[in-house]
């Protein structure tokens, strides 16, 4: 599990459009809902969420 401090630090580094996507995802909205609300494609939403989750994984398991 990722510490809240780590999550918030990574979240703060996101660009504004990515923050909007990740923030809505954390609120429990679906990819389709987020895409509709932000007028972007579902693939953009999915890709953004994927990249953010990958960053969280890196922080949880840093390379040696």
PDB file of N, CA and C in Angstrom:
ATOM      1  N   UNK A   1       0.837  -1.182   0.000  1.00  0.00           N
ATOM      2  CA  UNK A   1       0.000   0.000   0.000  1.00  0.00           C
ATOM      3  C   UNK A   1       0.884   1.248   0.000  1.00  0.00           C
ATOM      4  N   UNK A   2       0.454   2.261  -0.716  1.00  0.00           N
ATOM      5  CA  UNK A   2       1.210   3.506  -0.842  1.00  0.00           C
ATOM      6  C   UNK A   2       0.800   4.462   0.278  1.00  0.00           C
ATOM      7  N   UNK A   3       1.775   5.126   0.854  1.00  0.00           N
ATOM      8  CA  UNK A   3       1.482   6.108   1.902  1.00  0.00           C
ATOM      9  C   UNK A   3       0.752   7.300   1.298  1.00  0.00           C
ATOM     10  N   UNK A   4      -0.096   7.909   2.100  1.00  0.00           N
ATOM     11  CA  UNK A   4      -0.852   9.074   1.653  1.00  0.00           C
ATOM     12  C   UNK A   4       0.086  10.197   1.216  1.00  0.00           C
ATOM     13  N   UNK A   5       1.180  10.377   1.935  1.00  0.00           N
ATOM     14  CA  UNK A   5       2.136  11.439   1.591  1.00  0.00           C
ATOM     15  C   UNK A   5       2.721  11.212   0.198  1.00  0.00           C
ATOM     16  N   UNK A   6       3.028   9.958  -0.108  1.00  0.00           N
ATOM     17  CA  UNK A   6       3.573   9.615  -1.421  1.00  0.00           C
ATOM     18  C   UNK A   6       2.541   9.873  -2.501  1.00  0.00           C
ATOM     19  N   UNK A   7       1.322   9.433  -2.251  1.00  0.00           N
ATOM     20  CA  UNK A   7       0.240   9.648  -3.210  1.00  0.00           C
ATOM     21  C   UNK A   7       0.068  11.142  -3.488  1.00  0.00           C
ATOM     22  N   UNK A   8      -0.011  11.936  -2.424  1.00  0.00           N
ATOM     23  CA  UNK A   8      -0.236  13.375  -2.585  1.00  0.00           C
ATOM     24  C   UNK A   8       0.932  14.054  -3.297  1.00  0.00           C
ATOM     25  N   UNK A   9       2.148  13.625  -3.006  1.00  0.00           N
ATOM     26  CA  UNK A   9       3.317  14.207  -3.672  1.00  0.00           C
ATOM     27  C   UNK A   9       3.259  13.939  -5.170  1.00  0.00           C
ATOM     28  N   UNK A  10       2.925  12.715  -5.547  1.00  0.00           N
ATOM     29  CA  UNK A  10       2.814  12.382  -6.972  1.00  0.00           C
ATOM     30  C   UNK A  10       1.637  13.112  -7.613  1.00  0.00           C
ATOM     31  N   UNK A  11       0.541  13.209  -6.899  1.00  0.00           N
ATOM     32  CA  UNK A  11      -0.645  13.896  -7.422  1.00  0.00           C
ATOM     33  C   UNK A  11      -0.330  15.364  -7.702  1.00  0.00           C
ATOM     34  N   UNK A  12       0.410  16.004  -6.780  1.00  0.00           N
ATOM     35  CA  UNK A  12       0.761  17.421  -6.962  1.00  0.00           C
ATOM     36  C   UNK A  12       1.643  17.655  -8.187  1.00  0.00           C
ATOM     37  N   UNK A  13       2.398  16.643  -8.588  1.00  0.00           N
ATOM     38  CA  UNK A  13       3.288  16.782  -9.744  1.00  0.00           C
ATOM     39  C   UNK A  13       2.555  16.686 -11.085  1.00  0.00           C
ATOM     40  N   UNK A  14       1.324  16.206 -11.052  1.00  0.00           N
ATOM     41  CA  UNK A  14       0.570  16.051 -12.299  1.00  0.00           C
ATOM     42  C   UNK A  14       0.231  17.402 -12.911  1.00  0.00           C
ATOM     43  N   UNK A  15       0.128  17.422 -14.221  1.00  0.00           N
ATOM     44  CA  UNK A  15      -0.356  18.615 -14.914  1.00  0.00           C
ATOM     45  C   UNK A  15      -1.849  18.737 -14.659  1.00  0.00           C
ATOM     46  N   UNK A  16      -2.369  19.930 -14.798  1.00  0.00           N
ATOM     47  CA  UNK A  16      -3.768  20.209 -14.465  1.00  0.00           C
ATOM     48  C   UNK A  16      -4.761  19.244 -15.133  1.00  0.00           C
ATOM     49  N   UNK A  17      -4.649  18.963 -16.439  1.00  0.00           N
ATOM     50  CA  UNK A  17      -5.610  18.032 -17.053  1.00  0.00           C
ATOM     51  C   UNK A  17      -5.533  16.624 -16.452  1.00  0.00           C
ATOM     52  N   UNK A  18      -4.323  16.178 -16.134  1.00  0.00           N
ATOM     53  CA  UNK A  18      -4.158  14.853 -15.536  1.00  0.00           C
ATOM     54  C   UNK A  18      -4.717  14.816 -14.115  1.00  0.00           C
ATOM     55  N   UNK A  19      -4.555  15.917 -13.374  1.00  0.00           N
ATOM     56  CA  UNK A  19      -5.136  16.001 -12.032  1.00  0.00           C
ATOM     57  C   UNK A  19      -6.650  15.873 -12.094  1.00  0.00           C
ATOM     58  N   UNK A  20      -7.251  16.499 -13.100  1.00  0.00           N
ATOM     59  CA  UNK A  20      -8.709  16.424 -13.246  1.00  0.00           C
ATOM     60  C   UNK A  20      -9.151  14.983 -13.465  1.00  0.00           C
ATOM     61  N   UNK A  21      -8.404  14.262 -14.273  1.00  0.00           N
ATOM     62  CA  UNK A  21      -8.741  12.862 -14.568  1.00  0.00           C
ATOM     63  C   UNK A  21      -8.540  11.994 -13.332  1.00  0.00           C
ATOM     64  N   UNK A  22      -7.364  12.061 -12.734  1.00  0.00           N
ATOM     65  CA  UNK A  22      -7.056  11.213 -11.581  1.00  0.00           C
ATOM     66  C   UNK A  22      -7.970  11.562 -10.402  1.00  0.00           C
ATOM     67  N   UNK A  23      -8.219  12.828 -10.201  1.00  0.00           N
ATOM     68  CA  UNK A  23      -9.106  13.244  -9.111  1.00  0.00           C
ATOM     69  C   UNK A  23     -10.497  12.656  -9.238  1.00  0.00           C
ATOM     70  N   UNK A  24     -11.033  12.679 -10.440  1.00  0.00           N
ATOM     71  CA  UNK A  24     -12.362  12.099 -10.666  1.00  0.00           C
ATOM     72  C   UNK A  24     -12.339  10.581 -10.499  1.00  0.00           C
ATOM     73  N   UNK A  25     -11.251   9.964 -10.930  1.00  0.00           N
ATOM     74  CA  UNK A  25     -11.117   8.513 -10.789  1.00  0.00           C
ATOM     75  C   UNK A  25     -11.104   8.126  -9.305  1.00  0.00           C
ATOM     76  N   UNK A  26     -10.397   8.890  -8.506  1.00  0.00           N
ATOM     77  CA  UNK A  26     -10.322   8.639  -7.067  1.00  0.00           C
ATOM     78  C   UNK A  26     -11.699   8.816  -6.423  1.00  0.00           C
ATOM     79  N   UNK A  27     -12.512   9.694  -6.982  1.00  0.00           N
ATOM     80  CA  UNK A  27     -13.874   9.896  -6.474  1.00  0.00           C
ATOM     81  C   UNK A  27     -14.794   8.728  -6.820  1.00  0.00           C
ATOM     82  N   UNK A  28     -14.298   7.804  -7.632  1.00  0.00           N
ATOM     83  CA  UNK A  28     -15.090   6.626  -7.963  1.00  0.00           C
ATOM     84  C   UNK A  28     -15.819   6.696  -9.291  1.00  0.00           C
ATOM     85  N   UNK A  29     -15.520   7.711 -10.080  1.00  0.00           N
ATOM     86  CA  UNK A  29     -16.175   7.831 -11.383  1.00  0.00           C
ATOM     87  C   UNK A  29     -15.575   6.845 -12.378  1.00  0.00           C
ATOM     88  N   UNK A  30     -16.400   6.410 -13.303  1.00  0.00           N
ATOM     89  CA  UNK A  30     -15.932   5.467 -14.321  1.00  0.00           C
ATOM     90  C   UNK A  30     -15.136   6.206 -15.395  1.00  0.00           C
ATOM     91  N   UNK A  31     -14.405   5.442 -16.166  1.00  0.00           N
ATOM     92  CA  UNK A  31     -13.628   6.014 -17.263  1.00  0.00           C
ATOM     93  C   UNK A  31     -14.553   6.726 -18.244  1.00  0.00           C
ATOM     94  N   UNK A  32     -15.686   6.116 -18.541  1.00  0.00           N
ATOM     95  CA  UNK A  32     -16.651   6.729 -19.466  1.00  0.00           C
ATOM     96  C   UNK A  32     -17.194   8.044 -18.908  1.00  0.00           C
ATOM     97  N   UNK A  33     -17.509   8.081 -17.620  1.00  0.00           N
ATOM     98  CA  UNK A  33     -18.017   9.313 -16.998  1.00  0.00           C
ATOM     99  C   UNK A  33     -16.973  10.423 -17.057  1.00  0.00           C
ATOM    100  N   UNK A  34     -15.739  10.076 -16.736  1.00  0.00           N
ATOM    101  CA  UNK A  34     -14.661  11.067 -16.745  1.00  0.00           C
ATOM    102  C   UNK A  34     -14.466  11.619 -18.155  1.00  0.00           C
ATOM    103  N   UNK A  35     -14.433  10.735 -19.132  1.00  0.00           N
ATOM    104  CA  UNK A  35     -14.252  11.165 -20.526  1.00  0.00           C
ATOM    105  C   UNK A  35     -15.373  12.106 -20.946  1.00  0.00           C
ATOM    106  N   UNK A  36     -16.578  11.766 -20.581  1.00  0.00           N
ATOM    107  CA  UNK A  36     -17.733  12.596 -20.941  1.00  0.00           C
ATOM    108  C   UNK A  36     -17.646  13.966 -20.258  1.00  0.00           C
ATOM    109  N   UNK A  37     -17.341  13.977 -18.959  1.00  0.00           N
ATOM    110  CA  UNK A  37     -17.260  15.234 -18.206  1.00  0.00           C
ATOM    111  C   UNK A  37     -16.152  16.150 -18.715  1.00  0.00           C
ATOM    112  N   UNK A  38     -15.039  15.560 -19.110  1.00  0.00           N
ATOM    113  CA  UNK A  38     -13.881  16.364 -19.522  1.00  0.00           C
ATOM    114  C   UNK A  38     -13.760  16.505 -21.037  1.00  0.00           C
ATOM    115  N   UNK A  39     -14.726  15.946 -21.747  1.00  0.00           N
ATOM    116  CA  UNK A  39     -14.759  16.026 -23.207  1.00  0.00           C
ATOM    117  C   UNK A  39     -13.446  15.535 -23.830  1.00  0.00           C
ATOM    118  N   UNK A  40     -13.065  14.324 -23.432  1.00  0.00           N
ATOM    119  CA  UNK A  40     -11.888  13.689 -24.018  1.00  0.00           C
ATOM    120  C   UNK A  40     -12.212  12.218 -24.254  1.00  0.00           C
ATOM    121  N   UNK A  41     -11.323  11.526 -24.920  1.00  0.00           N
ATOM    122  CA  UNK A  41     -11.588  10.120 -25.233  1.00  0.00           C
ATOM    123  C   UNK A  41     -11.348   9.233 -24.010  1.00  0.00           C
ATOM    124  N   UNK A  42     -11.991   8.086 -24.029  1.00  0.00           N
ATOM    125  CA  UNK A  42     -11.794   7.121 -22.955  1.00  0.00           C
ATOM    126  C   UNK A  42     -10.358   6.609 -22.946  1.00  0.00           C
ATOM    127  N   UNK A  43      -9.745   6.552 -24.119  1.00  0.00           N
ATOM    128  CA  UNK A  43      -8.355   6.082 -24.168  1.00  0.00           C
ATOM    129  C   UNK A  43      -7.413   7.071 -23.476  1.00  0.00           C
ATOM    130  N   UNK A  44      -7.681   8.360 -23.590  1.00  0.00           N
ATOM    131  CA  UNK A  44      -6.863   9.363 -22.892  1.00  0.00           C
ATOM    132  C   UNK A  44      -7.015   9.184 -21.384  1.00  0.00           C
ATOM    133  N   UNK A  45      -8.239   8.984 -20.939  1.00  0.00           N
ATOM    134  CA  UNK A  45      -8.496   8.786 -19.510  1.00  0.00           C
ATOM    135  C   UNK A  45      -7.788   7.526 -19.017  1.00  0.00           C
ATOM    136  N   UNK A  46      -7.958   6.436 -19.741  1.00  0.00           N
ATOM    137  CA  UNK A  46      -7.332   5.164 -19.351  1.00  0.00           C
ATOM    138  C   UNK A  46      -5.815   5.280 -19.296  1.00  0.00           C
ATOM    139  N   UNK A  47      -5.246   5.910 -20.293  1.00  0.00           N
ATOM    140  CA  UNK A  47      -3.789   6.075 -20.363  1.00  0.00           C
ATOM    141  C   UNK A  47      -3.276   6.903 -19.186  1.00  0.00           C
ATOM    142  N   UNK A  48      -3.970   7.974 -18.862  1.00  0.00           N
ATOM    143  CA  UNK A  48      -3.566   8.839 -17.753  1.00  0.00           C
ATOM    144  C   UNK A  48      -3.607   8.080 -16.431  1.00  0.00           C
ATOM    145  N   UNK A  49      -4.681   7.347 -16.219  1.00  0.00           N
ATOM    146  CA  UNK A  49      -4.819   6.563 -14.991  1.00  0.00           C
ATOM    147  C   UNK A  49      -3.741   5.486 -14.934  1.00  0.00           C
ATOM    148  N   UNK A  50      -3.482   4.838 -16.045  1.00  0.00           N
ATOM    149  CA  UNK A  50      -2.443   3.801 -16.108  1.00  0.00           C
ATOM    150  C   UNK A  50      -1.076   4.384 -15.730  1.00  0.00           C
ATOM    151  N   UNK A  51      -0.732   5.527 -16.324  1.00  0.00           N
ATOM    152  CA  UNK A  51       0.572   6.144 -16.042  1.00  0.00           C
ATOM    153  C   UNK A  51       0.699   6.518 -14.562  1.00  0.00           C
ATOM    154  N   UNK A  52      -0.381   7.058 -13.996  1.00  0.00           N
ATOM    155  CA  UNK A  52      -0.344   7.438 -12.585  1.00  0.00           C
ATOM    156  C   UNK A  52      -0.172   6.205 -11.698  1.00  0.00           C
ATOM    157  N   UNK A  53      -0.879   5.153 -12.002  1.00  0.00           N
ATOM    158  CA  UNK A  53      -0.766   3.917 -11.221  1.00  0.00           C
ATOM    159  C   UNK A  53       0.638   3.317 -11.338  1.00  0.00           C
ATOM    160  N   UNK A  54       1.242   3.434 -12.519  1.00  0.00           N
ATOM    161  CA  UNK A  54       2.615   2.946 -12.701  1.00  0.00           C
ATOM    162  C   UNK A  54       3.579   3.736 -11.813  1.00  0.00           C
ATOM    163  N   UNK A  55       3.370   5.044 -11.726  1.00  0.00           N
ATOM    164  CA  UNK A  55       4.214   5.870 -10.855  1.00  0.00           C
ATOM    165  C   UNK A  55       4.067   5.434  -9.401  1.00  0.00           C
ATOM    166  N   UNK A  56       2.843   5.151  -8.981  1.00  0.00           N
ATOM    167  CA  UNK A  56       2.617   4.686  -7.612  1.00  0.00           C
ATOM    168  C   UNK A  56       3.340   3.366  -7.361  1.00  0.00           C
ATOM    169  N   UNK A  57       3.299   2.472  -8.338  1.00  0.00           N
ATOM    170  CA  UNK A  57       3.983   1.181  -8.195  1.00  0.00           C
ATOM    171  C   UNK A  57       5.489   1.368  -8.070  1.00  0.00           C
ATOM    172  N   UNK A  58       6.047   2.299  -8.847  1.00  0.00           N
ATOM    173  CA  UNK A  58       7.488   2.569  -8.773  1.00  0.00           C
ATOM    174  C   UNK A  58       7.876   3.053  -7.383  1.00  0.00           C
ATOM    175  N   UNK A  59       7.030   3.880  -6.804  1.00  0.00           N
ATOM    176  CA  UNK A  59       7.313   4.406  -5.469  1.00  0.00           C
ATOM    177  C   UNK A  59       7.215   3.311  -4.412  1.00  0.00           C
ATOM    178  N   UNK A  60       6.345   2.364  -4.645  1.00  0.00           N
ATOM    179  CA  UNK A  60       6.161   1.269  -3.695  1.00  0.00           C
ATOM    180  C   UNK A  60       7.312   0.275  -3.780  1.00  0.00           C
ATOM    181  N   UNK A  61       7.843   0.087  -4.981  1.00  0.00           N
ATOM    182  CA  UNK A  61       8.940  -0.860  -5.211  1.00  0.00           C
ATOM    183  C   UNK A  61      10.061  -0.167  -5.984  1.00  0.00           C
ATOM    184  N   UNK A  62      10.807   0.726  -5.325  1.00  0.00           N
ATOM    185  CA  UNK A  62      11.877   1.437  -6.041  1.00  0.00           C
ATOM    186  C   UNK A  62      12.975   0.477  -6.487  1.00  0.00           C
ATOM    187  N   UNK A  63      13.602   0.779  -7.640  1.00  0.00           N
ATOM    188  CA  UNK A  63      14.698  -0.078  -8.110  1.00  0.00           C
ATOM    189  C   UNK A  63      15.868  -0.031  -7.136  1.00  0.00           C
ATOM    190  N   UNK A  64      16.584  -1.108  -7.073  1.00  0.00           N
ATOM    191  CA  UNK A  64      17.719  -1.198  -6.129  1.00  0.00           C
ATOM    192  C   UNK A  64      18.980  -0.699  -6.797  1.00  0.00           C
TER     193      UNK A  64
END
